[in-house]
Amino acid sequence: MQGTVEQTTTLSDGTVLATLSLDRGLRVVARLTGTAAKPGQELPLTNDPHAISGVTAYIPLHPNLNEDQP
């Protein structure tokens, strides 16, 4: 699954947060890993906080959530 970056915010410690739009108008806030992203950029979503292959949007999932279900 991917999301489209709408806006980014850089915190004082250097952490970058982004608002992403997903299918059906859903919006989420994610922590970006890797280099900076720009509005309109498509990013893959991950629940791995240590993902380092390019820019990804980290969204922690509750351990009881089945991410394969729609």
PDB file of N, CA and C in Angstrom:
ATOM      1  N   MET A   1       0.841  -1.173   0.000  1.00  0.00           N
ATOM      2  CA  MET A   1       0.000   0.000   0.000  1.00  0.00           C
ATOM      3  C   MET A   1       0.889   1.239   0.000  1.00  0.00           C
ATOM      4  N   GLN A   2       0.405   2.274  -0.641  1.00  0.00           N
ATOM      5  CA  GLN A   2       1.147   3.527  -0.696  1.00  0.00           C
ATOM      6  C   GLN A   2       0.253   4.680  -0.288  1.00  0.00           C
ATOM      7  N   GLY A   3       0.908   5.784   0.092  1.00  0.00           N
ATOM      8  CA  GLY A   3       0.199   7.005   0.424  1.00  0.00           C
ATOM      9  C   GLY A   3       0.835   8.169  -0.301  1.00  0.00           C
ATOM     10  N   THR A   4       0.060   9.228  -0.488  1.00  0.00           N
ATOM     11  CA  THR A   4       0.546  10.433  -1.146  1.00  0.00           C
ATOM     12  C   THR A   4       0.805  11.498  -0.094  1.00  0.00           C
ATOM     13  N   VAL A   5       2.009  12.041  -0.080  1.00  0.00           N
ATOM     14  CA  VAL A   5       2.380  13.064   0.901  1.00  0.00           C
ATOM     15  C   VAL A   5       1.580  14.329   0.631  1.00  0.00           C
ATOM     16  N   GLU A   6       0.905  14.817   1.671  1.00  0.00           N
ATOM     17  CA  GLU A   6       0.194  16.085   1.569  1.00  0.00           C
ATOM     18  C   GLU A   6       0.994  17.209   2.207  1.00  0.00           C
ATOM     19  N   GLN A   7       1.590  16.930   3.361  1.00  0.00           N
ATOM     20  CA  GLN A   7       2.325  17.958   4.098  1.00  0.00           C
ATOM     21  C   GLN A   7       3.337  17.277   4.996  1.00  0.00           C
ATOM     22  N   THR A   8       4.478  17.930   5.230  1.00  0.00           N
ATOM     23  CA  THR A   8       5.477  17.402   6.160  1.00  0.00           C
ATOM     24  C   THR A   8       5.790  18.445   7.222  1.00  0.00           C
ATOM     25  N   THR A   9       6.209  17.959   8.367  1.00  0.00           N
ATOM     26  CA  THR A   9       6.629  18.802   9.481  1.00  0.00           C
ATOM     27  C   THR A   9       7.888  18.193  10.068  1.00  0.00           C
ATOM     28  N   THR A  10       8.901  19.019  10.280  1.00  0.00           N
ATOM     29  CA  THR A  10      10.136  18.551  10.901  1.00  0.00           C
ATOM     30  C   THR A  10      10.155  19.008  12.351  1.00  0.00           C
ATOM     31  N   LEU A  11      10.278  18.051  13.270  1.00  0.00           N
ATOM     32  CA  LEU A  11      10.320  18.353  14.694  1.00  0.00           C
ATOM     33  C   LEU A  11      11.712  18.833  15.091  1.00  0.00           C
ATOM     34  N   SER A  12      11.826  19.390  16.282  1.00  0.00           N
ATOM     35  CA  SER A  12      13.108  19.946  16.740  1.00  0.00           C
ATOM     36  C   SER A  12      14.213  18.900  16.831  1.00  0.00           C
ATOM     37  N   ASP A  13      13.857  17.623  17.000  1.00  0.00           N
ATOM     38  CA  ASP A  13      14.878  16.571  17.073  1.00  0.00           C
ATOM     39  C   ASP A  13      15.235  15.996  15.700  1.00  0.00           C
ATOM     40  N   GLY A  14      14.649  16.566  14.629  1.00  0.00           N
ATOM     41  CA  GLY A  14      14.945  16.109  13.272  1.00  0.00           C
ATOM     42  C   GLY A  14      13.969  15.093  12.726  1.00  0.00           C
ATOM     43  N   THR A  15      13.073  14.571  13.559  1.00  0.00           N
ATOM     44  CA  THR A  15      12.057  13.621  13.105  1.00  0.00           C
ATOM     45  C   THR A  15      11.121  14.316  12.124  1.00  0.00           C
ATOM     46  N   VAL A  16      10.820  13.650  11.016  1.00  0.00           N
ATOM     47  CA  VAL A  16       9.909  14.220  10.029  1.00  0.00           C
ATOM     48  C   VAL A  16       8.594  13.453  10.073  1.00  0.00           C
ATOM     49  N   LEU A  17       7.502  14.197  10.280  1.00  0.00           N
ATOM     50  CA  LEU A  17       6.156  13.630  10.251  1.00  0.00           C
ATOM     51  C   LEU A  17       5.488  14.081   8.961  1.00  0.00           C
ATOM     52  N   ALA A  18       4.623  13.239   8.427  1.00  0.00           N
ATOM     53  CA  ALA A  18       3.919  13.587   7.193  1.00  0.00           C
ATOM     54  C   ALA A  18       2.458  13.207   7.296  1.00  0.00           C
ATOM     55  N   THR A  19       1.619  14.033   6.726  1.00  0.00           N
ATOM     56  CA  THR A  19       0.218  13.679   6.519  1.00  0.00           C
ATOM     57  C   THR A  19       0.147  13.053   5.141  1.00  0.00           C
ATOM     58  N   LEU A  20      -0.420  11.846   5.079  1.00  0.00           N
ATOM     59  CA  LEU A  20      -0.544  11.132   3.811  1.00  0.00           C
ATOM     60  C   LEU A  20      -2.010  10.847   3.521  1.00  0.00           C
ATOM     61  N   SER A  21      -2.378  10.946   2.258  1.00  0.00           N
ATOM     62  CA  SER A  21      -3.722  10.555   1.861  1.00  0.00           C
ATOM     63  C   SER A  21      -3.650   9.152   1.263  1.00  0.00           C
ATOM     64  N   LEU A  22      -4.629   8.340   1.634  1.00  0.00           N
ATOM     65  CA  LEU A  22      -4.721   6.967   1.150  1.00  0.00           C
ATOM     66  C   LEU A  22      -5.982   6.833   0.313  1.00  0.00           C
ATOM     67  N   ASP A  23      -6.251   5.635  -0.174  1.00  0.00           N
ATOM     68  CA  ASP A  23      -7.472   5.378  -0.929  1.00  0.00           C
ATOM     69  C   ASP A  23      -8.702   5.764  -0.122  1.00  0.00           C
ATOM     70  N   ARG A  24      -9.732   6.133  -0.828  1.00  0.00           N
ATOM     71  CA  ARG A  24     -11.035   6.447  -0.232  1.00  0.00           C
ATOM     72  C   ARG A  24     -10.999   7.665   0.683  1.00  0.00           C
ATOM     73  N   GLY A  25     -10.007   8.547   0.528  1.00  0.00           N
ATOM     74  CA  GLY A  25      -9.960   9.791   1.282  1.00  0.00           C
ATOM     75  C   GLY A  25      -9.418   9.692   2.690  1.00  0.00           C
ATOM     76  N   LEU A  26      -9.003   8.519   3.115  1.00  0.00           N
ATOM     77  CA  LEU A  26      -8.445   8.348   4.453  1.00  0.00           C
ATOM     78  C   LEU A  26      -7.117   9.081   4.542  1.00  0.00           C
ATOM     79  N   ARG A  27      -6.884   9.763   5.669  1.00  0.00           N
ATOM     80  CA  ARG A  27      -5.605  10.444   5.902  1.00  0.00           C
ATOM     81  C   ARG A  27      -4.980   9.892   7.172  1.00  0.00           C
ATOM     82  N   VAL A  28      -3.659   9.745   7.137  1.00  0.00           N
ATOM     83  CA  VAL A  28      -2.917   9.259   8.300  1.00  0.00           C
ATOM     84  C   VAL A  28      -1.685  10.136   8.505  1.00  0.00           C
ATOM     85  N   VAL A  29      -1.166  10.109   9.731  1.00  0.00           N
ATOM     86  CA  VAL A  29       0.088  10.778  10.041  1.00  0.00           C
ATOM     87  C   VAL A  29       1.122   9.686  10.262  1.00  0.00           C
ATOM     88  N   ALA A  30       2.262   9.826   9.613  1.00  0.00           N
ATOM     89  CA  ALA A  30       3.306   8.809   9.692  1.00  0.00           C
ATOM     90  C   ALA A  30       4.654   9.481   9.924  1.00  0.00           C
ATOM     91  N   ARG A  31       5.569   8.719  10.517  1.00  0.00           N
ATOM     92  CA  ARG A  31       6.950   9.174  10.655  1.00  0.00           C
ATOM     93  C   ARG A  31       7.701   8.713   9.419  1.00  0.00           C
ATOM     94  N   LEU A  32       8.408   9.641   8.776  1.00  0.00           N
ATOM     95  CA  LEU A  32       9.160   9.274   7.581  1.00  0.00           C
ATOM     96  C   LEU A  32      10.518   8.714   7.964  1.00  0.00           C
ATOM     97  N   THR A  33      10.947   7.711   7.230  1.00  0.00           N
ATOM     98  CA  THR A  33      12.295   7.182   7.373  1.00  0.00           C
ATOM     99  C   THR A  33      13.024   7.480   6.076  1.00  0.00           C
ATOM    100  N   GLY A  34      14.314   7.573   6.118  1.00  0.00           N
ATOM    101  CA  GLY A  34      15.080   7.893   4.919  1.00  0.00           C
ATOM    102  C   GLY A  34      15.160   9.395   4.715  1.00  0.00           C
ATOM    103  N   THR A  35      15.321   9.807   3.466  1.00  0.00           N
ATOM    104  CA  THR A  35      15.465  11.230   3.160  1.00  0.00           C
ATOM    105  C   THR A  35      14.106  11.925   3.127  1.00  0.00           C
ATOM    106  N   ALA A  36      14.120  13.235   2.963  1.00  0.00           N
ATOM    107  CA  ALA A  36      12.885  14.022   2.975  1.00  0.00           C
ATOM    108  C   ALA A  36      11.991  13.696   1.781  1.00  0.00           C
ATOM    109  N   ALA A  37      10.711  13.947   1.949  1.00  0.00           N
ATOM    110  CA  ALA A  37       9.726  13.742   0.888  1.00  0.00           C
ATOM    111  C   ALA A  37       9.044  15.068   0.595  1.00  0.00           C
ATOM    112  N   LYS A  38       8.482  15.183  -0.591  1.00  0.00           N
ATOM    113  CA  LYS A  38       7.810  16.410  -1.010  1.00  0.00           C
ATOM    114  C   LYS A  38       6.323  16.145  -1.217  1.00  0.00           C
ATOM    115  N   PRO A  39       5.490  17.175  -1.045  1.00  0.00           N
ATOM    116  CA  PRO A  39       4.058  17.000  -1.310  1.00  0.00           C
ATOM    117  C   PRO A  39       3.827  16.443  -2.708  1.00  0.00           C
ATOM    118  N   GLY A  40       2.889  15.499  -2.781  1.00  0.00           N
ATOM    119  CA  GLY A  40       2.572  14.840  -4.042  1.00  0.00           C
ATOM    120  C   GLY A  40       3.358  13.562  -4.277  1.00  0.00           C
ATOM    121  N   GLN A  41       4.418  13.336  -3.496  1.00  0.00           N
ATOM    122  CA  GLN A  41       5.241  12.139  -3.667  1.00  0.00           C
ATOM    123  C   GLN A  41       4.516  10.926  -3.109  1.00  0.00           C
ATOM    124  N   GLU A  42       4.581   9.818  -3.837  1.00  0.00           N
ATOM    125  CA  GLU A  42       4.006   8.547  -3.396  1.00  0.00           C
ATOM    126  C   GLU A  42       5.039   7.812  -2.552  1.00  0.00           C
ATOM    127  N   LEU A  43       4.625   7.342  -1.376  1.00  0.00           N
ATOM    128  CA  LEU A  43       5.531   6.614  -0.493  1.00  0.00           C
ATOM    129  C   LEU A  43       4.927   5.281  -0.087  1.00  0.00           C
ATOM    130  N   PRO A  44       5.760   4.244   0.011  1.00  0.00           N
ATOM    131  CA  PRO A  44       5.262   2.983   0.556  1.00  0.00           C
ATOM    132  C   PRO A  44       5.054   3.117   2.056  1.00  0.00           C
ATOM    133  N   LEU A  45       4.059   2.425   2.573  1.00  0.00           N
ATOM    134  CA  LEU A  45       3.783   2.398   4.007  1.00  0.00           C
ATOM    135  C   LEU A  45       4.423   1.162   4.607  1.00  0.00           C
ATOM    136  N   THR A  46       4.904   1.289   5.837  1.00  0.00           N
ATOM    137  CA  THR A  46       5.523   0.148   6.511  1.00  0.00           C
ATOM    138  C   THR A  46       5.175   0.185   7.993  1.00  0.00           C
ATOM    139  N   ASN A  47       5.212  -0.973   8.622  1.00  0.00           N
ATOM    140  CA  ASN A  47       5.080  -1.028  10.082  1.00  0.00           C
ATOM    141  C   ASN A  47       6.406  -1.460  10.706  1.00  0.00           C
ATOM    142  N   ASP A  48       7.496  -1.367   9.924  1.00  0.00           N
ATOM    143  CA  ASP A  48       8.844  -1.679  10.393  1.00  0.00           C
ATOM    144  C   ASP A  48       9.560  -0.371  10.734  1.00  0.00           C
ATOM    145  N   PRO A  49       9.781  -0.073  12.019  1.00  0.00           N
ATOM    146  CA  PRO A  49      10.394   1.199  12.395  1.00  0.00           C
ATOM    147  C   PRO A  49      11.850   1.339  11.955  1.00  0.00           C
ATOM    148  N   HIS A  50      12.453   0.251  11.491  1.00  0.00           N
ATOM    149  CA  HIS A  50      13.855   0.290  11.086  1.00  0.00           C
ATOM    150  C   HIS A  50      14.031   0.169   9.577  1.00  0.00           C
ATOM    151  N   ALA A  51      12.951   0.363   8.831  1.00  0.00           N
ATOM    152  CA  ALA A  51      13.033   0.277   7.368  1.00  0.00           C
ATOM    153  C   ALA A  51      13.975   1.362   6.851  1.00  0.00           C
ATOM    154  N   ILE A  52      14.942   0.966   6.069  1.00  0.00           N
ATOM    155  CA  ILE A  52      15.934   1.936   5.602  1.00  0.00           C
ATOM    156  C   ILE A  52      16.093   1.929   4.086  1.00  0.00           C
ATOM    157  N   SER A  53      15.229   1.263   3.363  1.00  0.00           N
ATOM    158  CA  SER A  53      15.375   1.207   1.907  1.00  0.00           C
ATOM    159  C   SER A  53      14.613   2.370   1.266  1.00  0.00           C
ATOM    160  N   GLY A  54      15.254   3.526   1.203  1.00  0.00           N
ATOM    161  CA  GLY A  54      14.615   4.700   0.618  1.00  0.00           C
ATOM    162  C   GLY A  54      13.681   5.377   1.607  1.00  0.00           C
ATOM    163  N   VAL A  55      12.821   6.227   1.092  1.00  0.00           N
ATOM    164  CA  VAL A  55      11.876   6.947   1.933  1.00  0.00           C
ATOM    165  C   VAL A  55      10.634   6.094   2.121  1.00  0.00           C
ATOM    166  N   THR A  56      10.250   5.879   3.362  1.00  0.00           N
ATOM    167  CA  THR A  56       9.030   5.137   3.676  1.00  0.00           C
ATOM    168  C   THR A  56       8.252   5.880   4.740  1.00  0.00           C
ATOM    169  N   ALA A  57       6.982   5.564   4.851  1.00  0.00           N
ATOM    170  CA  ALA A  57       6.112   6.158   5.865  1.00  0.00           C
ATOM    171  C   ALA A  57       5.821   5.088   6.912  1.00  0.00           C
ATOM    172  N   TYR A  58       6.356   5.289   8.102  1.00  0.00           N
ATOM    173  CA  TYR A  58       6.192   4.312   9.193  1.00  0.00           C
ATOM    174  C   TYR A  58       4.905   4.593   9.940  1.00  0.00           C
ATOM    175  N   ILE A  59       4.038   3.592   9.992  1.00  0.00           N
ATOM    176  CA  ILE A  59       2.791   3.669  10.742  1.00  0.00           C
ATOM    177  C   ILE A  59       2.744   2.446  11.647  1.00  0.00           C
ATOM    178  N   PRO A  60       2.864   2.642  12.963  1.00  0.00           N
ATOM    179  CA  PRO A  60       2.823   1.488  13.864  1.00  0.00           C
ATOM    180  C   PRO A  60       1.438   0.849  13.848  1.00  0.00           C
ATOM    181  N   LEU A  61       1.415  -0.459  13.833  1.00  0.00           N
ATOM    182  CA  LEU A  61       0.155  -1.205  13.851  1.00  0.00           C
ATOM    183  C   LEU A  61       0.008  -1.930  15.175  1.00  0.00           C
ATOM    184  N   HIS A  62      -1.206  -1.993  15.652  1.00  0.00           N
ATOM    185  CA  HIS A  62      -1.492  -2.760  16.858  1.00  0.00           C
ATOM    186  C   HIS A  62      -1.211  -4.229  16.552  1.00  0.00           C
ATOM    187  N   PRO A  63      -0.579  -4.962  17.462  1.00  0.00           N
ATOM    188  CA  PRO A  63      -0.205  -6.359  17.176  1.00  0.00           C
ATOM    189  C   PRO A  63      -1.388  -7.272  16.849  1.00  0.00           C
ATOM    190  N   ASN A  64      -2.593  -6.904  17.243  1.00  0.00           N
ATOM    191  CA  ASN A  64      -3.757  -7.744  16.959  1.00  0.00           C
ATOM    192  C   ASN A  64      -4.419  -7.409  15.627  1.00  0.00           C
ATOM    193  N   LEU A  65      -3.924  -6.397  14.925  1.00  0.00           N
ATOM    194  CA  LEU A  65      -4.506  -5.990  13.660  1.00  0.00           C
ATOM    195  C   LEU A  65      -3.963  -6.847  12.545  1.00  0.00           C
ATOM    196  N   ASN A  66      -4.846  -7.356  11.700  1.00  0.00           N
ATOM    197  CA  ASN A  66      -4.436  -8.131  10.533  1.00  0.00           C
ATOM    198  C   ASN A  66      -4.353  -7.183   9.361  1.00  0.00           C
ATOM    199  N   GLU A  67      -3.143  -6.782   8.974  1.00  0.00           N
ATOM    200  CA  GLU A  67      -2.965  -5.786   7.934  1.00  0.00           C
ATOM    201  C   GLU A  67      -3.310  -6.309   6.537  1.00  0.00           C
ATOM    202  N   ASP A  68      -3.554  -7.601   6.391  1.00  0.00           N
ATOM    203  CA  ASP A  68      -3.919  -8.149   5.088  1.00  0.00           C
ATOM    204  C   ASP A  68      -5.404  -8.037   4.800  1.00  0.00           C
ATOM    205  N   GLN A  69      -6.185  -7.650   5.784  1.00  0.00           N
ATOM    206  CA  GLN A  69      -7.617  -7.486   5.576  1.00  0.00           C
ATOM    207  C   GLN A  69      -7.911  -6.066   5.116  1.00  0.00           C
ATOM    208  N   PRO A  70      -8.868  -5.891   4.191  1.00  0.00           N
ATOM    209  CA  PRO A  70      -9.219  -4.535   3.702  1.00  0.00           C
ATOM    210  C   PRO A  70      -9.871  -3.694   4.773  1.00  0.00           C
TER     211      PRO A  70
END
